[in-house]
Amino acid sequence: MQFKQPFNRLFSLGLLLPLSLTISLVGCDLLSDGEFPQGTSATKAKDLPNIELAARTPVSNEVITNLEAPIPAQCYTKTENRHNPCYTCHQMYDRSAGEFRMNELDDGGLQGAYIFSEDGLSNHWKNLFVDRREWLDAVSEETIQHYVNSDNYSALAESLKARDWKGFIPDLANYQRAAAAFDAQGFAKDGSHWVAFNYKPFPGTFWPTNGSTDDVIIRLPAALRELNGQYNRAVYLLNLSLVELNIKQLAAISIPAQDENLLGIDLDGDGTLGIAQQLVKRESYLGDASNMPVTAQQYPLDSELMHTVRYVGTKSEGNIFVPERMKELRYMKKIRVLEQYDVASRYARERKEKNLELLPNFNDHGERGMENGFGWLLQGFIEDYAGALRPQTHEETLFCMGCHAAVGATIDHTFALARKVTGAEGWGYINLKGMKDAPSVSESGGEILHYLQRAGGGSEFRENPEMLTRWFKDNGMVDEEKVSAANVYELITPSHQRALQLNKAYAHIVRTQSFIYGRDATWLPAKNVFDVINDELPPLPPEHRFYNWDIRLDWSQNNQ
């Protein structure tokens, strides 16, 4: 792997100027087309306050400000000798029982410890310390609601084609419409073969109460969708189920009722051909991919994932939903299936580089994306000043590697499929309403309950007062009875008022284009986060030092 060199240091002083000096209020006067770069979406940042050019962060592929961009802001949280939100990313697993796990990083020792390179000791995520209260006051509810519920996806494909873009061009029609773009089983209505699935959001940052809604969709290559050269939905769903079964290392998984006689295959392993409602583990895929082996805990070659990170849709009565506007559109493609010796070698090198405090380095393929070093190519699109989606810069993409390259909890460096509602019930667009707080497969008790207890708040930063008010007692302890009685939607979605504030706060980051300084939707300067790490800080005491958690969930009880 290699890092693009050289880079010059650049810091936008305008980011830290008082907002009163950087905001130019435009009131109800719509911003003219001439104020935006050519090719931006027609759904501009209508009525949002203007940010003077001098106060915006330059968008550039020629400079880098943070050589340790893969270290997320959450790693700078003050643990105060008792709070441990670190366990959901940094894990080690007992392999003595013989269970295979592709991820060999085993970085659980990082829980509650500040082990950084010299460059990483300084917290580069300066957006955490910006006071945005004046900005929030300047943006009306009507303005932010109009902005959040406007489409910035539809124009992306044509704008990329117009610039002769060499990388991935999003090809799912009406994706901005969220659930409406898919049928009840999650299959895209436009015939693009993207499939949505229902999953439980990763604890902490990805809860809507902390700033974003999201979805994840998957597409397998043609051979896994076809039988005798023709598209076959049943075969496609069976192969999708095999991928899920493989990622989760299950012996069997539920499927929609399937007549085994049509394929001539005993899917459920009962020794007869009949109507199967479960699929047992297999060594190869089905249909035209019958000669393709199932590689343990890896996606098939050329598998694709799309992940949208969106604003928090909200209605006055408090209903939270996935809105049209996307903060980010993320894309991953499996470009290499690794042999086990190669996997072990790559993790050994990763550990060595960490021990030597070497800076992270990745192969950058320009418009095609950035390799994570473990068989995936990543691309991303993020909002420009006007709110249209644009390709991420090198540094903005480097940020993605913090989660998709070097944390011990992931499976094949992905998160969502391992957290999917298992089996037939989990195919369909994400829907948190009524979802139970399913436990991790490695421990009993609600996963969200455990997170609140261990993190000491509703996020890694412990600066979400609404979560503290809702789910904690006056003495600072979690109200276990109340949390256990609630479903996932009730537990992790914000009130209408908080949703509006989160959306406004993030809109300021868009207007300043300051993503390289952080993407967290905050409006008060963070208090529970270090600006600079003292490398002599002791780790958490033993009683809070390590939690044995697994990203996979136990959906064996009724979850809907």
Protein backbone atom coordinates (compact mmCIF):
# COMPACT_ATOMS: atom_id res chain seq x y z
CA MET A 1 0.00 0.00 0.00
CA GLN A 2 1.21 3.50 -0.66
CA PHE A 3 0.22 7.01 0.35
CA LYS A 4 -0.01 9.84 -2.12
CA GLN A 5 2.88 12.22 -1.39
CA PRO A 6 3.72 14.95 -0.79
CA PHE A 7 1.05 16.92 1.02
CA ASN A 8 1.21 20.42 2.41
CA ARG A 9 -0.34 21.41 5.69
CA LEU A 10 -3.32 23.74 5.45
CA PHE A 11 -5.60 25.11 8.13
CA SER A 12 -8.66 27.24 7.51
CA LEU A 13 -8.52 30.00 10.10
CA GLY A 14 -11.96 31.11 9.02
CA LEU A 15 -13.45 28.02 10.61
CA LEU A 16 -12.63 29.28 14.07
CA LEU A 17 -13.77 32.85 13.62
CA PRO A 18 -16.82 33.88 15.63
CA LEU A 19 -19.96 33.11 13.68
CA SER A 20 -21.01 36.73 13.86
CA LEU A 21 -18.09 37.55 11.58
CA THR A 22 -18.66 34.79 9.08
CA ILE A 23 -22.42 34.60 8.61
CA SER A 24 -24.07 36.94 6.14
CA LEU A 25 -27.82 36.64 6.62
CA VAL A 26 -29.76 36.67 3.37
CA GLY A 27 -33.21 36.38 4.88
CA CYS A 28 -35.84 35.40 2.32
CA ASP A 29 -33.77 36.44 -0.66
CA LEU A 30 -33.06 33.31 -2.72
CA LEU A 31 -29.42 32.77 -3.65
CA SER A 32 -28.84 33.22 -7.36
CA ASP A 33 -27.50 30.51 -9.68
CA GLY A 34 -24.37 32.52 -10.24
CA GLU A 35 -23.26 32.01 -6.64
CA PHE A 36 -22.80 28.28 -7.07
CA PRO A 37 -20.34 26.11 -9.00
CA GLN A 38 -21.50 24.97 -12.41
CA GLY A 39 -23.30 21.64 -12.35
CA THR A 40 -24.78 21.86 -8.87
CA SER A 41 -28.26 20.67 -8.08
CA ALA A 42 -31.32 22.80 -8.72
CA THR A 43 -32.30 22.12 -5.10
CA LYS A 44 -29.82 24.59 -3.66
CA ALA A 45 -29.40 25.54 -0.03
CA LYS A 46 -32.50 27.70 -0.32
CA ASP A 47 -32.63 30.46 2.26
CA LEU A 48 -29.74 29.10 4.34
CA PRO A 49 -27.47 31.89 5.57
CA ASN A 50 -24.50 32.55 3.36
CA ILE A 51 -20.96 31.82 4.54
CA GLU A 52 -18.39 34.16 3.06
CA LEU A 53 -15.83 32.51 0.82
CA ALA A 54 -12.95 33.45 3.09
CA ALA A 55 -14.54 31.53 5.96
CA ARG A 56 -15.05 28.31 3.99
CA THR A 57 -12.58 25.45 4.10
CA PRO A 58 -10.90 24.93 0.70
CA VAL A 59 -11.97 21.71 -1.02
CA SER A 60 -8.78 20.24 -2.42
CA ASN A 61 -7.03 17.03 -3.42
CA GLU A 62 -3.65 18.75 -3.30
CA VAL A 63 -3.33 19.31 0.44
CA ILE A 64 -3.94 17.29 3.58
CA THR A 65 -4.48 18.63 7.07
CA ASN A 66 -4.73 15.41 9.05
CA LEU A 67 -2.32 12.56 8.41
CA GLU A 68 -4.25 10.53 10.97
CA ALA A 69 -7.69 11.11 9.45
CA PRO A 70 -8.61 7.42 10.00
CA ILE A 71 -8.69 8.09 13.77
CA PRO A 72 -12.33 9.13 14.35
CA ALA A 73 -13.30 11.96 16.66
CA GLN A 74 -14.87 9.50 19.10
CA CYS A 75 -11.41 8.14 20.01
CA TYR A 76 -10.63 11.45 21.75
CA THR A 77 -13.47 11.08 24.26
CA LYS A 78 -12.61 11.52 27.93
CA THR A 79 -13.29 8.23 29.68
CA GLU A 80 -12.98 9.73 33.18
CA ASN A 81 -11.83 6.35 34.54
CA ARG A 82 -15.23 4.72 34.10
CA HIS A 83 -16.82 5.31 30.67
CA ASN A 84 -16.04 2.86 27.87
CA PRO A 85 -17.75 3.43 24.51
CA CYS A 86 -14.65 2.01 22.80
CA TYR A 87 -15.75 -1.63 22.99
CA THR A 88 -18.08 -1.47 19.98
CA CYS A 89 -15.16 -0.94 17.60
CA HIS A 90 -12.17 -2.52 19.34
CA GLN A 91 -12.52 -6.21 20.06
CA MET A 92 -10.63 -9.47 20.42
CA TYR A 93 -12.15 -12.91 20.17
CA ASP A 94 -11.51 -16.28 21.76
CA ARG A 95 -10.64 -18.63 18.91
CA SER A 96 -9.83 -21.58 21.19
CA ALA A 97 -13.35 -22.93 20.64
CA GLY A 98 -12.57 -23.28 16.94
CA GLU A 99 -14.93 -20.64 15.54
CA PHE A 100 -13.43 -18.96 12.50
CA ARG A 101 -13.33 -15.18 12.28
CA MET A 102 -11.82 -13.43 9.28
CA ASN A 103 -10.95 -10.29 11.24
CA GLU A 104 -7.71 -11.08 13.04
CA LEU A 105 -6.88 -7.57 14.19
CA ASP A 106 -7.73 -8.32 17.84
CA ASP A 107 -7.46 -4.70 18.98
CA GLY A 108 -9.51 -5.03 22.17
CA GLY A 109 -6.53 -3.70 24.10
CA LEU A 110 -7.40 -0.26 22.73
CA GLN A 111 -10.55 -0.09 24.84
CA GLY A 112 -10.14 2.83 27.19
CA ALA A 113 -6.54 3.53 26.17
CA TYR A 114 -5.13 6.44 24.19
CA ILE A 115 -2.57 4.68 22.01
CA PHE A 116 -1.82 7.06 19.14
CA SER A 117 1.06 7.99 16.92
CA GLU A 118 2.70 11.31 17.71
CA ASP A 119 0.67 12.99 14.97
CA GLY A 120 -2.52 11.45 16.29
CA LEU A 121 -2.14 12.89 19.78
CA SER A 122 -3.57 16.20 18.53
CA ASN A 123 -7.30 16.15 17.93
CA HIS A 124 -7.78 17.47 14.39
CA TRP A 125 -11.59 17.33 14.59
CA LYS A 126 -11.96 21.04 15.37
CA ASN A 127 -15.63 21.13 14.41
CA LEU A 128 -16.39 19.58 17.79
CA PHE A 129 -15.35 22.82 19.45
CA VAL A 130 -17.33 25.28 17.30
CA ASP A 131 -20.19 27.20 18.92
CA ARG A 132 -23.06 27.17 16.38
CA ARG A 133 -25.84 28.64 18.49
CA GLU A 134 -25.92 31.87 16.49
CA TRP A 135 -26.22 29.82 13.30
CA LEU A 136 -29.10 27.78 14.72
CA ASP A 137 -30.95 30.97 15.61
CA ALA A 138 -30.44 32.29 12.08
CA VAL A 139 -32.04 29.24 10.40
CA SER A 140 -35.81 28.94 10.68
CA GLU A 141 -37.69 25.67 11.02
CA GLU A 142 -39.31 26.24 7.64
CA THR A 143 -35.91 26.74 6.01
CA ILE A 144 -34.27 23.63 7.42
CA GLN A 145 -37.35 21.48 6.76
CA HIS A 146 -37.41 22.60 3.14
CA TYR A 147 -33.72 21.83 2.84
CA VAL A 148 -33.83 18.39 4.47
CA ASN A 149 -36.82 17.26 2.43
CA SER A 150 -35.42 18.30 -0.95
CA ASP A 151 -33.72 15.92 -3.37
CA ASN A 152 -29.97 16.17 -3.93
CA TYR A 153 -29.49 12.65 -5.32
CA SER A 154 -31.28 12.63 -8.68
CA ALA A 155 -28.85 15.01 -10.38
CA LEU A 156 -25.70 13.20 -9.23
CA ALA A 157 -25.42 10.59 -11.99
CA GLU A 158 -25.79 13.11 -14.81
CA SER A 159 -23.35 15.53 -13.21
CA LEU A 160 -20.75 12.74 -12.97
CA LYS A 161 -21.30 11.66 -16.56
CA ALA A 162 -20.94 15.27 -17.70
CA ARG A 163 -17.45 15.39 -16.21
CA ASP A 164 -16.52 11.99 -17.68
CA TRP A 165 -16.28 10.44 -14.24
CA LYS A 166 -14.22 7.23 -14.22
CA GLY A 167 -15.48 5.85 -10.93
CA PHE A 168 -18.79 4.41 -9.81
CA ILE A 169 -21.87 6.31 -10.96
CA PRO A 170 -24.97 5.68 -8.79
CA ASP A 171 -27.54 3.82 -10.86
CA LEU A 172 -30.51 3.29 -8.55
CA ALA A 173 -33.53 5.29 -9.68
CA ASN A 174 -35.48 7.21 -7.05
CA TYR A 175 -33.10 6.32 -4.24
CA GLN A 176 -33.88 9.69 -2.69
CA ARG A 177 -37.37 8.35 -1.95
CA ALA A 178 -35.92 5.88 0.57
CA ALA A 179 -38.36 3.01 1.23
CA ALA A 180 -40.50 3.97 -1.78
CA ALA A 181 -37.66 2.92 -4.12
CA PHE A 182 -37.96 -0.73 -2.98
CA ASP A 183 -40.67 -3.36 -2.80
CA ALA A 184 -41.76 -5.04 0.43
CA GLN A 185 -38.94 -7.58 0.19
CA GLY A 186 -36.31 -4.90 -0.39
CA PHE A 187 -35.77 -5.34 -4.13
CA ALA A 188 -35.28 -2.12 -6.06
CA LYS A 189 -38.32 -1.31 -8.17
CA ASP A 190 -36.21 -0.04 -11.08
CA GLY A 191 -34.68 -3.44 -11.89
CA SER A 192 -31.15 -2.39 -10.93
CA HIS A 193 -30.90 -5.40 -8.58
CA TRP A 194 -30.05 -3.38 -5.50
CA VAL A 195 -31.62 -4.94 -2.39
CA ALA A 196 -32.35 -3.17 0.91
CA PHE A 197 -32.27 -4.90 4.26
CA ASN A 198 -33.45 -4.07 7.76
CA TYR A 199 -30.77 -3.80 10.42
CA LYS A 200 -30.16 -2.34 13.84
CA PRO A 201 -27.98 0.81 13.69
CA PHE A 202 -24.49 0.55 15.12
CA PRO A 203 -24.40 1.85 18.72
CA GLY A 204 -23.60 5.52 19.32
CA THR A 205 -22.85 7.82 16.44
CA PHE A 206 -25.22 6.12 14.00
CA TRP A 207 -28.28 6.54 16.18
CA PRO A 208 -30.63 9.18 14.75
CA THR A 209 -30.62 10.98 18.10
CA ASN A 210 -26.98 11.85 17.38
CA GLY A 211 -27.54 13.39 14.00
CA SER A 212 -28.24 11.06 11.08
CA THR A 213 -30.58 8.49 9.62
CA ASP A 214 -29.18 5.96 7.18
CA ASP A 215 -29.77 2.88 5.05
CA VAL A 216 -27.63 0.17 3.46
CA ILE A 217 -28.28 -1.76 0.26
CA ILE A 218 -26.43 -4.61 -1.42
CA ARG A 219 -26.02 -5.90 -4.97
CA LEU A 220 -24.43 -9.21 -5.90
CA PRO A 221 -22.82 -9.79 -9.33
CA ALA A 222 -24.85 -11.19 -12.23
CA ALA A 223 -23.82 -14.84 -11.78
CA LEU A 224 -25.38 -14.86 -8.32
CA ARG A 225 -28.62 -13.38 -9.64
CA GLU A 226 -29.14 -15.71 -12.58
CA LEU A 227 -30.07 -19.25 -13.55
CA ASN A 228 -29.13 -20.42 -17.04
CA GLY A 229 -28.25 -16.88 -18.04
CA GLN A 230 -31.62 -15.43 -17.00
CA TYR A 231 -32.42 -13.30 -13.99
CA ASN A 232 -34.03 -15.40 -11.27
CA ARG A 233 -35.30 -13.63 -8.20
CA ALA A 234 -35.54 -16.82 -6.14
CA VAL A 235 -31.92 -17.73 -6.86
CA TYR A 236 -30.83 -14.18 -6.09
CA LEU A 237 -32.56 -14.20 -2.72
CA LEU A 238 -31.09 -17.59 -1.88
CA ASN A 239 -27.59 -16.35 -2.66
CA LEU A 240 -28.18 -13.20 -0.63
CA SER A 241 -29.23 -15.45 2.22
CA LEU A 242 -26.05 -17.51 1.79
CA VAL A 243 -23.98 -14.32 2.04
CA GLU A 244 -25.79 -13.39 5.25
CA LEU A 245 -25.41 -16.90 6.64
CA ASN A 246 -21.69 -16.79 5.82
CA ILE A 247 -21.04 -13.36 7.36
CA LYS A 248 -22.85 -14.39 10.54
CA GLN A 249 -21.38 -17.91 10.57
CA LEU A 250 -24.78 -19.56 11.00
CA ALA A 251 -25.62 -23.20 10.35
CA ALA A 252 -29.01 -22.35 8.85
CA ILE A 253 -31.17 -19.34 8.08
CA SER A 254 -34.87 -18.80 7.38
CA ILE A 255 -35.96 -18.06 3.80
CA PRO A 256 -39.29 -17.37 2.09
CA ALA A 257 -40.97 -20.68 1.22
CA GLN A 258 -39.15 -22.18 -1.78
CA ASP A 259 -40.10 -25.23 -3.87
CA GLU A 260 -36.87 -27.25 -3.97
CA ASN A 261 -38.09 -29.18 -7.02
CA LEU A 262 -37.66 -26.06 -9.17
CA LEU A 263 -33.92 -26.09 -8.53
CA GLY A 264 -33.48 -29.76 -7.85
CA ILE A 265 -31.57 -28.90 -4.66
CA ASP A 266 -32.20 -29.92 -1.07
CA LEU A 267 -31.99 -26.44 0.44
CA ASP A 268 -32.98 -27.27 4.01
CA GLY A 269 -30.91 -30.45 4.30
CA ASP A 270 -33.80 -32.74 5.26
CA GLY A 271 -32.93 -35.30 2.56
CA THR A 272 -36.05 -34.72 0.44
CA LEU A 273 -37.23 -32.22 -2.17
CA GLY A 274 -40.25 -30.28 -0.97
CA ILE A 275 -41.09 -26.81 0.29
CA ALA A 276 -38.12 -25.38 2.16
CA GLN A 277 -38.36 -22.55 4.66
CA GLN A 278 -34.75 -22.57 5.72
CA LEU A 279 -31.40 -22.72 3.99
CA VAL A 280 -28.49 -24.65 5.45
CA LYS A 281 -24.81 -23.82 5.11
CA ARG A 282 -23.30 -24.66 1.72
CA GLU A 283 -19.79 -24.70 0.27
CA SER A 284 -20.79 -22.92 -2.96
CA TYR A 285 -23.40 -20.50 -4.22
CA LEU A 286 -26.44 -21.40 -6.31
CA GLY A 287 -27.63 -20.88 -9.87
CA ASP A 288 -25.02 -19.74 -12.37
CA ALA A 289 -22.60 -19.23 -9.48
CA SER A 290 -22.65 -22.91 -8.50
CA ASN A 291 -18.91 -23.13 -9.18
CA MET A 292 -18.18 -20.14 -6.93
CA PRO A 293 -17.05 -21.19 -3.45
CA VAL A 294 -18.35 -19.53 -0.30
CA THR A 295 -15.23 -17.98 1.22
CA ALA A 296 -15.55 -17.82 4.98
CA GLN A 297 -16.78 -14.41 6.20
CA GLN A 298 -16.04 -12.68 2.90
CA TYR A 299 -18.48 -11.28 0.37
CA PRO A 300 -18.35 -12.69 -3.17
CA LEU A 301 -16.09 -10.96 -5.67
CA ASP A 302 -17.70 -7.84 -7.21
CA SER A 303 -20.30 -7.51 -4.46
CA GLU A 304 -21.39 -3.89 -4.03
CA LEU A 305 -22.71 -1.94 -1.05
CA MET A 306 -24.29 1.52 -1.01
CA HIS A 307 -24.85 3.40 2.21
CA THR A 308 -26.62 6.72 2.46
CA VAL A 309 -26.14 8.94 5.49
CA ARG A 310 -29.06 11.36 5.65
CA TYR A 311 -30.49 14.13 7.75
CA VAL A 312 -33.10 13.34 10.37
CA GLY A 313 -36.54 13.60 8.82
CA THR A 314 -39.02 14.93 11.36
CA LYS A 315 -42.62 16.00 11.60
CA SER A 316 -44.13 18.28 14.22
CA GLU A 317 -45.88 15.39 15.94
CA GLY A 318 -42.47 13.83 16.55
CA ASN A 319 -42.39 11.17 13.83
CA ILE A 320 -38.79 10.55 12.73
CA PHE A 321 -38.12 9.22 9.22
CA VAL A 322 -35.49 8.92 6.48
CA PRO A 323 -35.79 12.10 4.36
CA GLU A 324 -34.81 12.72 0.74
CA ARG A 325 -31.66 14.76 1.32
CA MET A 326 -28.42 12.83 1.65
CA LYS A 327 -25.46 14.05 3.64
CA GLU A 328 -23.31 11.38 2.06
CA LEU A 329 -23.56 8.55 -0.43
CA ARG A 330 -20.98 5.85 0.31
CA TYR A 331 -20.03 3.00 -2.00
CA MET A 332 -17.93 -0.13 -1.56
CA LYS A 333 -17.00 -2.81 -4.07
CA LYS A 334 -15.33 -6.12 -3.30
CA ILE A 335 -12.45 -6.20 -5.79
CA ARG A 336 -10.45 -9.04 -4.26
CA VAL A 337 -11.33 -12.18 -2.30
CA LEU A 338 -8.36 -12.97 -0.09
CA GLU A 339 -6.82 -16.33 0.69
CA GLN A 340 -6.49 -17.02 4.39
CA TYR A 341 -2.70 -16.75 4.34
CA ASP A 342 -3.05 -13.32 2.71
CA VAL A 343 -5.58 -12.22 5.32
CA ALA A 344 -3.23 -13.26 8.14
CA SER A 345 -0.29 -11.52 6.47
CA ARG A 346 -2.20 -8.26 6.04
CA TYR A 347 -3.32 -8.20 9.66
CA ALA A 348 0.21 -8.99 10.82
CA ARG A 349 1.48 -6.04 8.81
CA GLU A 350 -1.27 -3.83 10.22
CA ARG A 351 -0.25 -4.73 13.78
CA LYS A 352 3.40 -4.11 12.99
CA GLU A 353 2.65 -0.68 11.52
CA LYS A 354 0.62 0.23 14.61
CA ASN A 355 3.40 -0.90 16.94
CA LEU A 356 5.91 1.19 15.00
CA GLU A 357 3.50 4.17 15.08
CA LEU A 358 3.64 4.44 11.31
CA LEU A 359 1.10 6.70 9.65
CA PRO A 360 -1.70 4.94 7.72
CA ASN A 361 -1.25 4.49 3.98
CA PHE A 362 -3.62 3.28 1.30
CA ASN A 363 -3.67 2.84 -2.46
CA ASP A 364 -5.59 5.75 -3.96
CA HIS A 365 -7.06 5.07 -7.42
CA GLY A 366 -8.30 8.61 -7.90
CA GLU A 367 -11.84 8.72 -9.26
CA ARG A 368 -12.18 4.94 -8.91
CA GLY A 369 -11.77 5.14 -5.14
CA MET A 370 -9.38 4.13 -2.39
CA GLU A 371 -8.43 0.58 -1.40
CA ASN A 372 -8.72 -0.38 2.24
CA GLY A 373 -5.98 -3.01 1.95
CA PHE A 374 -8.36 -5.93 2.53
CA GLY A 375 -10.09 -6.36 -0.80
CA TRP A 376 -12.49 -3.40 -0.91
CA LEU A 377 -12.54 -0.24 -3.01
CA LEU A 378 -14.29 2.72 -1.36
CA GLN A 379 -15.78 5.88 -2.84
CA GLY A 380 -17.86 8.62 -1.34
CA PHE A 381 -19.97 11.61 -2.33
CA ILE A 382 -20.72 14.47 0.05
CA GLU A 383 -22.59 17.79 -0.12
CA ASP A 384 -21.02 20.81 -1.75
CA TYR A 385 -21.68 24.37 -0.59
CA ALA A 386 -24.96 24.45 -2.48
CA GLY A 387 -26.10 21.10 -1.11
CA ALA A 388 -25.49 19.06 -4.26
CA LEU A 389 -23.55 15.82 -3.89
CA ARG A 390 -19.94 15.99 -5.06
CA PRO A 391 -17.08 13.45 -4.99
CA GLN A 392 -15.14 13.38 -1.76
CA THR A 393 -11.56 14.58 -1.72
CA HIS A 394 -8.62 12.33 -0.90
CA GLU A 395 -8.60 13.42 2.74
CA GLU A 396 -12.38 13.12 3.08
CA THR A 397 -12.12 9.54 1.79
CA LEU A 398 -9.18 8.80 4.06
CA PHE A 399 -11.59 9.49 6.93
CA CYS A 400 -13.60 6.41 5.85
CA MET A 401 -10.64 4.12 6.46
CA GLY A 402 -10.90 4.59 10.20
CA CYS A 403 -13.89 2.24 10.30
CA HIS A 404 -13.49 0.17 7.14
CA ALA A 405 -9.82 -0.76 7.42
CA ALA A 406 -8.57 -1.16 10.95
CA VAL A 407 -11.04 -1.98 13.73
CA GLY A 408 -11.40 -5.42 15.25
CA ALA A 409 -15.19 -5.60 15.50
CA THR A 410 -16.10 -5.63 11.78
CA ILE A 411 -16.67 -8.66 9.57
CA ASP A 412 -15.01 -8.34 6.16
CA HIS A 413 -14.62 -4.68 7.13
CA THR A 414 -18.35 -4.00 7.02
CA PHE A 415 -20.96 -3.36 9.71
CA ALA A 416 -24.58 -3.52 8.61
CA LEU A 417 -25.18 -7.02 7.22
CA ALA A 418 -23.87 -8.58 10.43
CA ARG A 419 -26.60 -6.57 12.22
CA LYS A 420 -29.43 -7.41 9.81
CA VAL A 421 -32.64 -8.89 11.20
CA THR A 422 -31.74 -12.49 10.52
CA GLY A 423 -33.37 -14.42 7.71
CA ALA A 424 -36.53 -13.88 5.68
CA GLU A 425 -37.99 -11.16 7.93
CA GLY A 426 -34.94 -8.93 7.46
CA TRP A 427 -35.26 -8.34 3.70
CA GLY A 428 -36.86 -4.93 3.24
CA TYR A 429 -35.99 -1.28 3.80
CA ILE A 430 -34.75 -0.33 7.27
CA ASN A 431 -37.59 0.07 9.77
CA LEU A 432 -36.85 0.55 13.46
CA LYS A 433 -40.45 0.81 14.65
CA GLY A 434 -41.30 -2.11 16.89
CA MET A 435 -37.79 -3.57 16.67
CA LYS A 436 -36.66 -5.17 19.93
CA ASP A 437 -33.32 -4.32 21.52
CA ALA A 438 -31.76 -7.61 20.41
CA PRO A 439 -28.66 -8.62 22.38
CA SER A 440 -25.21 -9.25 21.00
CA VAL A 441 -24.59 -12.95 20.34
CA SER A 442 -21.80 -12.82 22.93
CA GLU A 443 -23.81 -11.59 25.92
CA SER A 444 -27.31 -11.48 27.34
CA GLY A 445 -29.38 -8.36 27.91
CA GLY A 446 -30.35 -5.55 25.57
CA GLU A 447 -27.47 -4.19 23.49
CA ILE A 448 -28.62 -0.58 23.78
CA LEU A 449 -29.08 -1.00 27.53
CA HIS A 450 -25.48 -2.20 27.84
CA TYR A 451 -24.20 0.65 25.69
CA LEU A 452 -25.91 3.31 27.79
CA GLN A 453 -24.47 1.75 30.95
CA ARG A 454 -20.94 1.40 29.63
CA ALA A 455 -20.66 4.65 27.69
CA GLY A 456 -22.38 6.68 30.39
CA GLY A 457 -24.57 8.50 27.89
CA GLY A 458 -26.35 8.33 24.56
CA SER A 459 -23.20 8.72 22.46
CA GLU A 460 -19.46 8.36 22.68
CA PHE A 461 -19.23 12.03 23.68
CA ARG A 462 -21.90 11.81 26.42
CA GLU A 463 -23.21 15.21 25.35
CA ASN A 464 -26.74 14.32 24.32
CA PRO A 465 -28.89 15.82 27.13
CA GLU A 466 -32.10 14.39 25.70
CA MET A 467 -30.82 10.83 26.05
CA LEU A 468 -29.72 11.56 29.61
CA THR A 469 -33.15 12.96 30.47
CA ARG A 470 -35.05 10.12 28.83
CA TRP A 471 -33.12 7.04 29.92
CA PHE A 472 -31.05 7.96 32.97
CA LYS A 473 -32.07 8.55 36.57
CA ASP A 474 -31.14 11.63 38.58
CA ASN A 475 -28.24 9.73 40.17
CA GLY A 476 -26.67 9.14 36.75
CA MET A 477 -27.61 5.47 36.55
CA VAL A 478 -29.49 4.01 33.60
CA ASP A 479 -33.19 3.38 34.20
CA GLU A 480 -32.99 -0.32 33.30
CA GLU A 481 -36.71 -1.00 33.60
CA LYS A 482 -37.65 1.90 31.33
CA VAL A 483 -34.99 1.08 28.73
CA SER A 484 -35.90 -2.62 28.69
CA ALA A 485 -39.55 -1.78 28.05
CA ALA A 486 -38.81 0.40 24.99
CA ASN A 487 -38.20 -0.62 21.38
CA VAL A 488 -35.28 0.50 19.22
CA TYR A 489 -37.20 3.33 17.56
CA GLU A 490 -38.21 4.77 20.93
CA LEU A 491 -34.71 4.39 22.33
CA ILE A 492 -32.58 6.04 19.64
CA THR A 493 -34.69 8.64 17.83
CA PRO A 494 -34.74 12.31 18.87
CA SER A 495 -37.60 14.65 19.58
CA HIS A 496 -38.82 16.94 16.82
CA GLN A 497 -36.99 19.91 18.32
CA ARG A 498 -33.69 18.08 18.70
CA ALA A 499 -33.93 16.76 15.14
CA LEU A 500 -34.28 20.31 13.86
CA GLN A 501 -31.22 21.41 15.84
CA LEU A 502 -29.16 18.48 14.58
CA ASN A 503 -30.09 19.26 10.99
CA LYS A 504 -29.29 22.95 11.37
CA ALA A 505 -25.93 22.22 13.00
CA TYR A 506 -24.85 19.90 10.21
CA ALA A 507 -25.98 22.42 7.59
CA HIS A 508 -23.35 24.77 9.01
CA ILE A 509 -20.66 22.16 8.34
CA VAL A 510 -21.95 21.92 4.78
CA ARG A 511 -21.89 25.70 4.33
CA THR A 512 -18.32 25.92 5.65
CA GLN A 513 -17.33 22.77 3.70
CA SER A 514 -15.32 21.86 6.79
CA PHE A 515 -15.74 18.07 6.67
CA ILE A 516 -12.01 17.55 7.18
CA TYR A 517 -12.53 18.99 10.68
CA GLY A 518 -15.39 16.65 11.56
CA ARG A 519 -18.91 15.63 10.56
CA ASP A 520 -20.65 15.44 13.94
CA ALA A 521 -23.80 17.56 14.22
CA THR A 522 -22.98 19.53 17.36
CA TRP A 523 -23.79 23.12 18.24
CA LEU A 524 -22.13 23.52 21.64
CA PRO A 525 -18.36 23.18 22.07
CA ALA A 526 -17.59 19.68 23.31
CA LYS A 527 -16.56 19.33 26.95
CA ASN A 528 -15.99 15.58 27.16
CA VAL A 529 -13.41 15.46 24.37
CA PHE A 530 -9.65 16.02 24.53
CA ASP A 531 -8.12 18.68 22.28
CA VAL A 532 -4.70 17.15 22.86
CA ILE A 533 -3.98 13.71 24.31
CA ASN A 534 -1.49 13.30 27.11
CA ASP A 535 0.17 10.03 26.12
CA GLU A 536 0.83 9.30 29.79
CA LEU A 537 -2.88 8.99 30.56
CA PRO A 538 -3.51 5.62 32.22
CA PRO A 539 -6.02 3.22 30.62
CA LEU A 540 -9.38 2.47 32.17
CA PRO A 541 -9.27 0.48 35.42
CA PRO A 542 -9.79 -3.30 35.10
CA GLU A 543 -13.51 -3.25 35.95
CA HIS A 544 -14.21 -1.04 32.91
CA ARG A 545 -11.27 -2.10 30.75
CA PHE A 546 -12.72 -4.73 28.43
CA TYR A 547 -16.17 -5.87 27.37
CA ASN A 548 -16.57 -9.00 25.26
CA TRP A 549 -19.03 -7.78 22.65
CA ASP A 550 -19.82 -9.10 19.16
CA ILE A 551 -21.22 -6.99 16.31
CA ARG A 552 -23.64 -9.81 15.43
CA LEU A 553 -27.04 -9.90 17.11
CA ASP A 554 -29.24 -12.65 18.50
CA TRP A 555 -32.57 -12.31 16.72
CA SER A 556 -33.82 -15.71 17.92
CA GLN A 557 -36.70 -14.11 19.83
CA ASN A 558 -39.55 -12.38 18.04
CA ASN A 559 -38.14 -9.02 16.98
CA GLN A 560 -41.00 -7.27 15.25
